[in-house]
Amino acid sequence: MPETPPLMPPSNKARASMLRVDQAGEYGATRIYAGQLAVLGDHGPGNRMVARMAAQEERHRARFDAMIAERGVRPTLLQPIWDVAGFALGAATALMGPKAAMACTAAIETEIDAHYGEQLDQLGDSDPELSDAIAEFRAEEAEHREIAIAAGAEEAPAYPLLSGAIRLGCRAAIALSKRI
């Protein structure tokens, strides 16, 4: 059986794109949770869980902010859009109810898990600092997805439609933030 050749390590441009999209995604996540908390408040057992996940996303964003600054990578020019869109998505799903807010989390974290997995495959051992951050955050994002499912995400009104629409939007945001 022929051996699979090793992957070429990503170029500096490709790693910059990874950082740009990851920082944008974590920024967007902080805005989604801000929108949810603006509607749900930060009290009550479920809301404290949202606040805890929001704090983790803020830590992720801060780490990517630092890496962008250290490496001289330009952040996405779409950040003002992700600011408004993220908050609006969080607030809208929270207005639909706590299960819809959790459906939003589950949908986004499903896409982020796949996205981070692809990045880890591309990076291999070429950039340990970036790989370590992505692997750590991927594990926390998967935990967020499991928390959301346990909190009733799949019981949200029109869950398949809601989840599908959010996942599609997430994939579009990833594609745009890589380049712009």
N, C-alpha and C. Protein backbone atom coordinates (compact mmCIF):
# COMPACT_ATOMS: atom_id res chain seq x y z
N MET A 1 0.85 -1.18 0.00
CA MET A 1 0.00 0.00 0.00
C MET A 1 0.90 1.24 0.00
N PRO A 2 0.69 2.18 -0.95
CA PRO A 2 1.55 3.36 -1.01
C PRO A 2 1.31 4.28 0.18
N GLU A 3 2.39 4.91 0.61
CA GLU A 3 2.30 5.86 1.73
C GLU A 3 1.71 7.17 1.25
N THR A 4 0.93 7.79 2.12
CA THR A 4 0.40 9.11 1.82
C THR A 4 1.51 10.12 2.08
N PRO A 5 1.80 10.98 1.09
CA PRO A 5 2.85 11.97 1.32
C PRO A 5 2.45 12.94 2.42
N PRO A 6 3.42 13.45 3.17
CA PRO A 6 3.08 14.41 4.23
C PRO A 6 2.53 15.69 3.61
N LEU A 7 1.64 16.33 4.33
CA LEU A 7 1.09 17.60 3.87
C LEU A 7 2.14 18.68 3.95
N MET A 8 2.08 19.59 2.99
CA MET A 8 2.97 20.75 3.04
C MET A 8 2.49 21.65 4.18
N PRO A 9 3.39 22.15 5.00
CA PRO A 9 2.93 23.07 6.04
C PRO A 9 2.33 24.32 5.41
N PRO A 10 1.31 24.90 6.05
CA PRO A 10 0.70 26.09 5.46
C PRO A 10 1.68 27.25 5.42
N SER A 11 1.52 28.08 4.42
CA SER A 11 2.36 29.27 4.26
C SER A 11 2.04 30.28 5.36
N ASN A 12 2.89 31.29 5.46
CA ASN A 12 2.62 32.37 6.42
C ASN A 12 1.29 33.04 6.10
N LYS A 13 1.00 33.18 4.79
CA LYS A 13 -0.27 33.79 4.39
C LYS A 13 -1.45 32.93 4.85
N ALA A 14 -1.32 31.62 4.71
CA ALA A 14 -2.40 30.72 5.14
C ALA A 14 -2.58 30.76 6.66
N ARG A 15 -1.47 30.82 7.40
CA ARG A 15 -1.57 30.90 8.86
C ARG A 15 -2.18 32.24 9.29
N ALA A 16 -1.84 33.31 8.57
CA ALA A 16 -2.45 34.62 8.86
C ALA A 16 -3.95 34.56 8.63
N SER A 17 -4.37 33.90 7.57
CA SER A 17 -5.80 33.74 7.29
C SER A 17 -6.48 32.95 8.40
N MET A 18 -5.79 31.90 8.89
CA MET A 18 -6.35 31.12 10.00
C MET A 18 -6.55 31.99 11.23
N LEU A 19 -5.55 32.77 11.55
CA LEU A 19 -5.66 33.64 12.73
C LEU A 19 -6.77 34.67 12.54
N ARG A 20 -6.84 35.24 11.34
CA ARG A 20 -7.85 36.26 11.06
C ARG A 20 -9.26 35.69 11.27
N VAL A 21 -9.51 34.52 10.69
CA VAL A 21 -10.86 33.95 10.79
C VAL A 21 -11.14 33.46 12.21
N ASP A 22 -10.14 32.94 12.89
CA ASP A 22 -10.37 32.45 14.26
C ASP A 22 -10.65 33.60 15.22
N GLN A 23 -9.91 34.70 15.07
CA GLN A 23 -10.16 35.86 15.92
C GLN A 23 -11.55 36.42 15.62
N ALA A 24 -11.92 36.47 14.34
CA ALA A 24 -13.25 36.97 13.97
C ALA A 24 -14.34 36.08 14.55
N GLY A 25 -14.13 34.77 14.49
CA GLY A 25 -15.12 33.84 15.03
C GLY A 25 -15.30 33.97 16.52
N GLU A 26 -14.20 34.10 17.22
CA GLU A 26 -14.29 34.25 18.68
C GLU A 26 -14.91 35.59 19.05
N TYR A 27 -14.59 36.63 18.27
CA TYR A 27 -15.23 37.93 18.49
C TYR A 27 -16.74 37.80 18.27
N GLY A 28 -17.12 37.15 17.17
CA GLY A 28 -18.54 36.95 16.89
C GLY A 28 -19.24 36.18 18.00
N ALA A 29 -18.55 35.17 18.54
CA ALA A 29 -19.14 34.38 19.63
C ALA A 29 -19.38 35.25 20.86
N THR A 30 -18.45 36.15 21.16
CA THR A 30 -18.65 37.02 22.33
C THR A 30 -19.86 37.92 22.11
N ARG A 31 -20.08 38.34 20.87
CA ARG A 31 -21.23 39.20 20.57
C ARG A 31 -22.54 38.41 20.62
N ILE A 32 -22.52 37.15 20.16
CA ILE A 32 -23.72 36.32 20.24
C ILE A 32 -24.14 36.14 21.70
N TYR A 33 -23.17 35.80 22.55
CA TYR A 33 -23.49 35.62 23.96
C TYR A 33 -23.92 36.93 24.61
N ALA A 34 -23.33 38.06 24.17
CA ALA A 34 -23.77 39.35 24.71
C ALA A 34 -25.24 39.60 24.36
N GLY A 35 -25.63 39.26 23.14
CA GLY A 35 -27.02 39.40 22.74
C GLY A 35 -27.94 38.50 23.54
N GLN A 36 -27.50 37.26 23.76
CA GLN A 36 -28.32 36.33 24.55
C GLN A 36 -28.46 36.83 25.98
N LEU A 37 -27.37 37.27 26.56
CA LEU A 37 -27.42 37.72 27.95
C LEU A 37 -28.22 39.01 28.10
N ALA A 38 -28.21 39.85 27.06
CA ALA A 38 -29.01 41.08 27.11
C ALA A 38 -30.50 40.75 27.22
N VAL A 39 -30.91 39.64 26.60
CA VAL A 39 -32.31 39.23 26.65
C VAL A 39 -32.60 38.36 27.87
N LEU A 40 -31.72 37.38 28.11
CA LEU A 40 -31.97 36.41 29.18
C LEU A 40 -31.57 36.92 30.55
N GLY A 41 -30.68 37.89 30.61
CA GLY A 41 -30.10 38.32 31.87
C GLY A 41 -29.01 37.34 32.26
N ASP A 42 -28.27 37.65 33.29
CA ASP A 42 -27.17 36.75 33.67
C ASP A 42 -27.44 36.04 34.99
N HIS A 43 -28.71 35.96 35.37
CA HIS A 43 -29.08 35.25 36.60
C HIS A 43 -29.89 34.01 36.23
N GLY A 44 -29.96 33.08 37.13
CA GLY A 44 -30.66 31.83 36.87
C GLY A 44 -29.67 30.77 36.41
N PRO A 45 -29.97 29.52 36.66
CA PRO A 45 -29.01 28.44 36.37
C PRO A 45 -28.58 28.39 34.91
N GLY A 46 -29.53 28.46 33.97
CA GLY A 46 -29.17 28.40 32.56
C GLY A 46 -28.42 29.62 32.11
N ASN A 47 -28.78 30.77 32.65
CA ASN A 47 -28.14 32.01 32.25
C ASN A 47 -26.71 32.09 32.78
N ARG A 48 -26.47 31.54 33.95
CA ARG A 48 -25.09 31.48 34.47
C ARG A 48 -24.23 30.61 33.57
N MET A 49 -24.83 29.55 33.01
CA MET A 49 -24.12 28.68 32.09
C MET A 49 -23.74 29.47 30.83
N VAL A 50 -24.66 30.28 30.32
CA VAL A 50 -24.37 31.11 29.15
C VAL A 50 -23.26 32.11 29.50
N ALA A 51 -23.33 32.71 30.67
CA ALA A 51 -22.30 33.66 31.09
C ALA A 51 -20.93 32.98 31.19
N ARG A 52 -20.90 31.74 31.66
CA ARG A 52 -19.63 31.00 31.75
C ARG A 52 -19.06 30.73 30.37
N MET A 53 -19.92 30.31 29.43
CA MET A 53 -19.44 30.06 28.07
C MET A 53 -18.98 31.37 27.43
N ALA A 54 -19.69 32.46 27.71
CA ALA A 54 -19.29 33.77 27.18
C ALA A 54 -17.91 34.16 27.68
N ALA A 55 -17.63 33.89 28.94
CA ALA A 55 -16.31 34.21 29.50
C ALA A 55 -15.21 33.39 28.82
N GLN A 56 -15.49 32.13 28.52
CA GLN A 56 -14.51 31.32 27.81
C GLN A 56 -14.26 31.87 26.41
N GLU A 57 -15.33 32.28 25.72
CA GLU A 57 -15.16 32.85 24.38
C GLU A 57 -14.35 34.14 24.44
N GLU A 58 -14.55 34.92 25.48
CA GLU A 58 -13.77 36.15 25.64
C GLU A 58 -12.29 35.83 25.83
N ARG A 59 -12.00 34.78 26.57
CA ARG A 59 -10.60 34.35 26.76
C ARG A 59 -10.01 33.90 25.43
N HIS A 60 -10.78 33.15 24.64
CA HIS A 60 -10.31 32.72 23.32
C HIS A 60 -9.99 33.93 22.44
N ARG A 61 -10.93 34.89 22.42
CA ARG A 61 -10.74 36.08 21.60
C ARG A 61 -9.50 36.84 22.02
N ALA A 62 -9.31 36.99 23.31
CA ALA A 62 -8.14 37.72 23.81
C ALA A 62 -6.83 37.03 23.38
N ARG A 63 -6.83 35.72 23.41
CA ARG A 63 -5.62 34.98 22.99
C ARG A 63 -5.35 35.19 21.51
N PHE A 64 -6.39 35.12 20.69
CA PHE A 64 -6.19 35.35 19.25
C PHE A 64 -5.85 36.82 18.98
N ASP A 65 -6.42 37.75 19.75
CA ASP A 65 -6.05 39.17 19.61
C ASP A 65 -4.54 39.33 19.83
N ALA A 66 -4.04 38.69 20.88
CA ALA A 66 -2.61 38.81 21.18
C ALA A 66 -1.76 38.20 20.07
N MET A 67 -2.18 37.05 19.55
CA MET A 67 -1.41 36.40 18.49
C MET A 67 -1.43 37.24 17.20
N ILE A 68 -2.56 37.86 16.90
CA ILE A 68 -2.66 38.73 15.73
C ILE A 68 -1.69 39.90 15.88
N ALA A 69 -1.68 40.50 17.05
CA ALA A 69 -0.79 41.64 17.29
C ALA A 69 0.68 41.22 17.21
N GLU A 70 1.01 40.10 17.85
CA GLU A 70 2.40 39.63 17.85
C GLU A 70 2.90 39.30 16.44
N ARG A 71 2.02 38.78 15.61
CA ARG A 71 2.42 38.32 14.27
C ARG A 71 2.14 39.35 13.17
N GLY A 72 1.58 40.48 13.54
CA GLY A 72 1.31 41.52 12.56
C GLY A 72 0.26 41.14 11.53
N VAL A 73 -0.75 40.39 11.96
CA VAL A 73 -1.82 39.95 11.06
C VAL A 73 -2.96 40.97 11.11
N ARG A 74 -3.45 41.32 9.93
CA ARG A 74 -4.57 42.25 9.85
C ARG A 74 -5.86 41.52 10.24
N PRO A 75 -6.63 42.07 11.19
CA PRO A 75 -7.93 41.47 11.51
C PRO A 75 -8.88 41.62 10.33
N THR A 76 -9.98 40.89 10.37
CA THR A 76 -10.96 41.01 9.30
C THR A 76 -11.54 42.42 9.26
N LEU A 77 -11.79 42.88 8.05
CA LEU A 77 -12.44 44.18 7.87
C LEU A 77 -13.95 44.09 8.14
N LEU A 78 -14.43 42.87 8.32
CA LEU A 78 -15.86 42.65 8.54
C LEU A 78 -16.26 42.71 10.01
N GLN A 79 -15.33 43.02 10.89
CA GLN A 79 -15.63 43.01 12.32
C GLN A 79 -16.83 43.87 12.70
N PRO A 80 -17.02 45.06 12.11
CA PRO A 80 -18.22 45.83 12.47
C PRO A 80 -19.52 45.09 12.11
N ILE A 81 -19.49 44.33 11.03
CA ILE A 81 -20.67 43.55 10.65
C ILE A 81 -20.87 42.41 11.64
N TRP A 82 -19.79 41.72 12.02
CA TRP A 82 -19.90 40.60 12.96
C TRP A 82 -20.34 41.10 14.33
N ASP A 83 -19.98 42.33 14.66
CA ASP A 83 -20.42 42.93 15.92
C ASP A 83 -21.94 42.99 15.98
N VAL A 84 -22.54 43.59 14.97
CA VAL A 84 -23.98 43.77 14.93
C VAL A 84 -24.69 42.44 14.67
N ALA A 85 -24.19 41.67 13.69
CA ALA A 85 -24.84 40.41 13.33
C ALA A 85 -24.80 39.42 14.50
N GLY A 86 -23.67 39.34 15.18
CA GLY A 86 -23.55 38.42 16.31
C GLY A 86 -24.51 38.78 17.42
N PHE A 87 -24.54 40.06 17.79
CA PHE A 87 -25.45 40.49 18.85
C PHE A 87 -26.89 40.22 18.45
N ALA A 88 -27.24 40.55 17.19
CA ALA A 88 -28.61 40.35 16.72
C ALA A 88 -28.99 38.87 16.74
N LEU A 89 -28.09 38.01 16.30
CA LEU A 89 -28.36 36.56 16.31
C LEU A 89 -28.58 36.08 17.74
N GLY A 90 -27.71 36.50 18.65
CA GLY A 90 -27.86 36.09 20.04
C GLY A 90 -29.16 36.58 20.64
N ALA A 91 -29.49 37.84 20.42
CA ALA A 91 -30.72 38.41 20.97
C ALA A 91 -31.95 37.74 20.34
N ALA A 92 -31.93 37.54 19.04
CA ALA A 92 -33.08 36.94 18.35
C ALA A 92 -33.35 35.52 18.84
N THR A 93 -32.28 34.73 18.96
CA THR A 93 -32.51 33.35 19.42
C THR A 93 -32.94 33.33 20.88
N ALA A 94 -32.42 34.23 21.69
CA ALA A 94 -32.84 34.29 23.10
C ALA A 94 -34.30 34.72 23.20
N LEU A 95 -34.73 35.64 22.33
CA LEU A 95 -36.14 36.05 22.33
C LEU A 95 -37.06 34.89 21.97
N MET A 96 -36.56 33.94 21.20
CA MET A 96 -37.33 32.74 20.85
C MET A 96 -37.41 31.78 22.04
N GLY A 97 -36.54 31.98 23.03
CA GLY A 97 -36.55 31.16 24.23
C GLY A 97 -35.19 30.54 24.50
N PRO A 98 -34.99 30.08 25.73
CA PRO A 98 -33.70 29.51 26.12
C PRO A 98 -33.27 28.32 25.26
N LYS A 99 -34.21 27.50 24.81
CA LYS A 99 -33.84 26.35 23.98
C LYS A 99 -33.36 26.79 22.61
N ALA A 100 -33.95 27.84 22.08
CA ALA A 100 -33.48 28.38 20.79
C ALA A 100 -32.09 29.00 20.95
N ALA A 101 -31.85 29.65 22.08
CA ALA A 101 -30.51 30.19 22.33
C ALA A 101 -29.49 29.05 22.37
N MET A 102 -29.87 27.94 23.00
CA MET A 102 -28.98 26.78 23.04
C MET A 102 -28.84 26.13 21.67
N ALA A 103 -29.90 26.18 20.84
CA ALA A 103 -29.82 25.66 19.48
C ALA A 103 -28.80 26.47 18.68
N CYS A 104 -28.76 27.77 18.92
CA CYS A 104 -27.77 28.63 18.27
C CYS A 104 -26.37 28.18 18.65
N THR A 105 -26.14 27.99 19.94
CA THR A 105 -24.83 27.55 20.41
C THR A 105 -24.45 26.20 19.80
N ALA A 106 -25.38 25.25 19.83
CA ALA A 106 -25.08 23.92 19.29
C ALA A 106 -24.73 23.98 17.81
N ALA A 107 -25.48 24.77 17.04
CA ALA A 107 -25.24 24.88 15.61
C ALA A 107 -23.87 25.49 15.32
N ILE A 108 -23.58 26.59 15.99
CA ILE A 108 -22.30 27.27 15.75
C ILE A 108 -21.14 26.39 16.18
N GLU A 109 -21.25 25.77 17.33
CA GLU A 109 -20.13 24.96 17.82
C GLU A 109 -19.91 23.72 16.96
N THR A 110 -20.95 23.22 16.33
CA THR A 110 -20.78 22.10 15.39
C THR A 110 -19.89 22.54 14.23
N GLU A 111 -20.16 23.73 13.70
CA GLU A 111 -19.35 24.24 12.58
C GLU A 111 -17.93 24.58 13.03
N ILE A 112 -17.80 25.15 14.22
CA ILE A 112 -16.47 25.54 14.70
C ILE A 112 -15.62 24.31 14.98
N ASP A 113 -16.22 23.26 15.50
CA ASP A 113 -15.48 22.02 15.73
C ASP A 113 -14.90 21.51 14.42
N ALA A 114 -15.71 21.48 13.37
CA ALA A 114 -15.23 21.01 12.06
C ALA A 114 -14.15 21.96 11.52
N HIS A 115 -14.38 23.26 11.65
CA HIS A 115 -13.43 24.27 11.17
C HIS A 115 -12.08 24.13 11.87
N TYR A 116 -12.11 24.04 13.19
CA TYR A 116 -10.86 23.90 13.94
C TYR A 116 -10.17 22.57 13.61
N GLY A 117 -10.95 21.51 13.40
CA GLY A 117 -10.36 20.24 13.02
C GLY A 117 -9.61 20.33 11.70
N GLU A 118 -10.21 21.01 10.71
CA GLU A 118 -9.55 21.21 9.42
C GLU A 118 -8.25 22.00 9.59
N GLN A 119 -8.30 23.03 10.42
CA GLN A 119 -7.09 23.83 10.64
C GLN A 119 -6.00 22.99 11.29
N LEU A 120 -6.35 22.19 12.26
CA LEU A 120 -5.34 21.35 12.92
C LEU A 120 -4.72 20.37 11.93
N ASP A 121 -5.54 19.82 11.05
CA ASP A 121 -5.01 18.92 10.01
C ASP A 121 -4.03 19.66 9.10
N GLN A 122 -4.37 20.88 8.73
CA GLN A 122 -3.51 21.67 7.85
C GLN A 122 -2.21 22.07 8.54
N LEU A 123 -2.30 22.41 9.80
CA LEU A 123 -1.12 22.89 10.52
C LEU A 123 -0.13 21.77 10.83
N GLY A 124 -0.64 20.58 11.14
CA GLY A 124 0.27 19.51 11.57
C GLY A 124 1.10 20.01 12.74
N ASP A 125 2.40 19.85 12.65
CA ASP A 125 3.28 20.34 13.73
C ASP A 125 4.07 21.58 13.30
N SER A 126 3.56 22.30 12.30
CA SER A 126 4.29 23.45 11.75
C SER A 126 4.21 24.71 12.60
N ASP A 127 3.21 24.83 13.46
CA ASP A 127 3.03 26.04 14.28
C ASP A 127 2.45 25.62 15.63
N PRO A 128 3.31 25.12 16.53
CA PRO A 128 2.81 24.60 17.81
C PRO A 128 1.99 25.60 18.62
N GLU A 129 2.37 26.87 18.61
CA GLU A 129 1.62 27.86 19.39
C GLU A 129 0.18 27.96 18.89
N LEU A 130 0.00 28.08 17.58
CA LEU A 130 -1.33 28.20 17.02
C LEU A 130 -2.09 26.88 17.17
N SER A 131 -1.43 25.77 16.91
CA SER A 131 -2.08 24.46 17.04
C SER A 131 -2.56 24.21 18.47
N ASP A 132 -1.72 24.55 19.44
CA ASP A 132 -2.10 24.34 20.84
C ASP A 132 -3.33 25.17 21.21
N ALA A 133 -3.36 26.44 20.76
CA ALA A 133 -4.51 27.29 21.05
C ALA A 133 -5.77 26.73 20.41
N ILE A 134 -5.66 26.34 19.14
CA ILE A 134 -6.83 25.80 18.44
C ILE A 134 -7.32 24.52 19.10
N ALA A 135 -6.40 23.63 19.45
CA ALA A 135 -6.80 22.37 20.08
C ALA A 135 -7.49 22.61 21.42
N GLU A 136 -6.94 23.51 22.21
CA GLU A 136 -7.54 23.84 23.51
C GLU A 136 -8.94 24.42 23.33
N PHE A 137 -9.07 25.37 22.41
CA PHE A 137 -10.35 26.03 22.22
C PHE A 137 -11.36 25.08 21.57
N ARG A 138 -10.88 24.21 20.69
CA ARG A 138 -11.78 23.23 20.06
C ARG A 138 -12.43 22.35 21.12
N ALA A 139 -11.66 21.93 22.10
CA ALA A 139 -12.21 21.09 23.17
C ALA A 139 -13.28 21.86 23.95
N GLU A 140 -13.05 23.13 24.22
CA GLU A 140 -14.03 23.92 24.95
C GLU A 140 -15.28 24.17 24.11
N GLU A 141 -15.09 24.37 22.79
CA GLU A 141 -16.25 24.58 21.91
C GLU A 141 -17.10 23.31 21.85
N ALA A 142 -16.45 22.15 21.80
CA ALA A 142 -17.19 20.88 21.81
C ALA A 142 -17.96 20.73 23.11
N GLU A 143 -17.36 21.17 24.21
CA GLU A 143 -18.05 21.14 25.51
C GLU A 143 -19.28 22.05 25.47
N HIS A 144 -19.14 23.23 24.86
CA HIS A 144 -20.27 24.15 24.74
C HIS A 144 -21.41 23.49 23.96
N ARG A 145 -21.06 22.80 22.88
CA ARG A 145 -22.09 22.11 22.07
C ARG A 145 -22.82 21.06 22.92
N GLU A 146 -22.06 20.28 23.68
CA GLU A 146 -22.68 19.24 24.52
C GLU A 146 -23.55 19.86 25.61
N ILE A 147 -23.11 20.95 26.19
CA ILE A 147 -23.92 21.66 27.20
C ILE A 147 -25.23 22.13 26.57
N ALA A 148 -25.12 22.70 25.38
CA ALA A 148 -26.31 23.22 24.70
C ALA A 148 -27.30 22.10 24.38
N ILE A 149 -26.80 20.98 23.92
CA ILE A 149 -27.68 19.86 23.61
C ILE A 149 -28.35 19.33 24.88
N ALA A 150 -27.56 19.22 25.95
CA ALA A 150 -28.11 18.76 27.22
C ALA A 150 -29.16 19.74 27.77
N ALA A 151 -29.03 21.02 27.40
CA ALA A 151 -29.97 22.04 27.88
C ALA A 151 -31.21 22.15 26.98
N GLY A 152 -31.34 21.26 26.02
CA GLY A 152 -32.56 21.22 25.22
C GLY A 152 -32.50 21.87 23.86
N ALA A 153 -31.31 22.09 23.33
CA ALA A 153 -31.18 22.73 22.01
C ALA A 153 -32.04 22.07 20.95
N GLU A 154 -32.05 20.75 20.95
CA GLU A 154 -32.77 20.01 19.90
C GLU A 154 -34.29 20.06 20.08
N GLU A 155 -34.75 20.64 21.20
CA GLU A 155 -36.18 20.80 21.46
C GLU A 155 -36.67 22.19 21.07
N ALA A 156 -35.77 23.01 20.53
CA ALA A 156 -36.15 24.37 20.13
C ALA A 156 -37.17 24.32 19.00
N PRO A 157 -38.01 25.35 18.91
CA PRO A 157 -38.97 25.39 17.80
C PRO A 157 -38.25 25.35 16.46
N ALA A 158 -38.74 24.51 15.56
CA ALA A 158 -38.18 24.39 14.21
C ALA A 158 -36.67 24.14 14.23
N TYR A 159 -36.23 23.30 15.16
CA TYR A 159 -34.79 23.08 15.35
C TYR A 159 -34.04 22.76 14.06
N PRO A 160 -34.49 21.83 13.22
CA PRO A 160 -33.70 21.54 12.01
C PRO A 160 -33.51 22.77 11.12
N LEU A 161 -34.57 23.56 10.97
CA LEU A 161 -34.49 24.77 10.15
C LEU A 161 -33.59 25.81 10.80
N LEU A 162 -33.80 26.05 12.08
CA LEU A 162 -33.01 27.03 12.82
C LEU A 162 -31.53 26.64 12.80
N SER A 163 -31.24 25.40 13.13
CA SER A 163 -29.86 24.93 13.17
C SER A 163 -29.22 25.01 11.78
N GLY A 164 -29.94 24.58 10.76
CA GLY A 164 -29.40 24.62 9.40
C GLY A 164 -29.09 26.03 8.94
N ALA A 165 -29.98 26.97 9.23
CA ALA A 165 -29.77 28.36 8.83
C ALA A 165 -28.56 28.96 9.56
N ILE A 166 -28.44 28.68 10.84
CA ILE A 166 -27.32 29.22 11.62
C ILE A 166 -26.01 28.60 11.15
N ARG A 167 -26.01 27.31 10.89
CA ARG A 167 -24.79 26.64 10.41
C ARG A 167 -24.36 27.19 9.05
N LEU A 168 -25.32 27.43 8.17
CA LEU A 168 -25.01 28.00 6.87
C LEU A 168 -24.41 29.40 7.02
N GLY A 169 -25.02 30.21 7.88
CA GLY A 169 -24.48 31.55 8.14
C GLY A 169 -23.08 31.50 8.72
N CYS A 170 -22.85 30.55 9.60
CA CYS A 170 -21.52 30.39 10.21
C CYS A 170 -20.48 30.03 9.14
N ARG A 171 -20.83 29.09 8.25
CA ARG A 171 -19.90 28.72 7.18
C ARG A 171 -19.61 29.91 6.26
N ALA A 172 -20.63 30.71 5.98
CA ALA A 172 -20.43 31.90 5.15
C ALA A 172 -19.52 32.91 5.85
N ALA A 173 -19.74 33.11 7.14
CA ALA A 173 -18.90 34.05 7.89
C ALA A 173 -17.45 33.58 7.92
N ILE A 174 -17.23 32.28 8.05
CA ILE A 174 -15.87 31.74 8.03
C ILE A 174 -15.23 32.02 6.68
N ALA A 175 -15.93 31.70 5.61
CA ALA A 175 -15.38 31.90 4.26
C ALA A 175 -15.04 33.37 4.01
N LEU A 176 -15.91 34.26 4.40
CA LEU A 176 -15.67 35.70 4.18
C LEU A 176 -14.53 36.22 5.03
N SER A 177 -14.48 35.81 6.30
CA SER A 177 -13.47 36.34 7.22
C SER A 177 -12.07 35.86 6.89
N LYS A 178 -11.95 34.74 6.21
CA LYS A 178 -10.62 34.26 5.79
C LYS A 178 -9.96 35.25 4.84
N ARG A 179 -10.78 35.91 4.03
CA ARG A 179 -10.26 36.71 2.93
C ARG A 179 -10.36 38.22 3.13
N ILE A 180 -11.42 38.65 3.80
CA ILE A 180 -11.69 40.09 3.87
C ILE A 180 -11.22 40.66 5.19
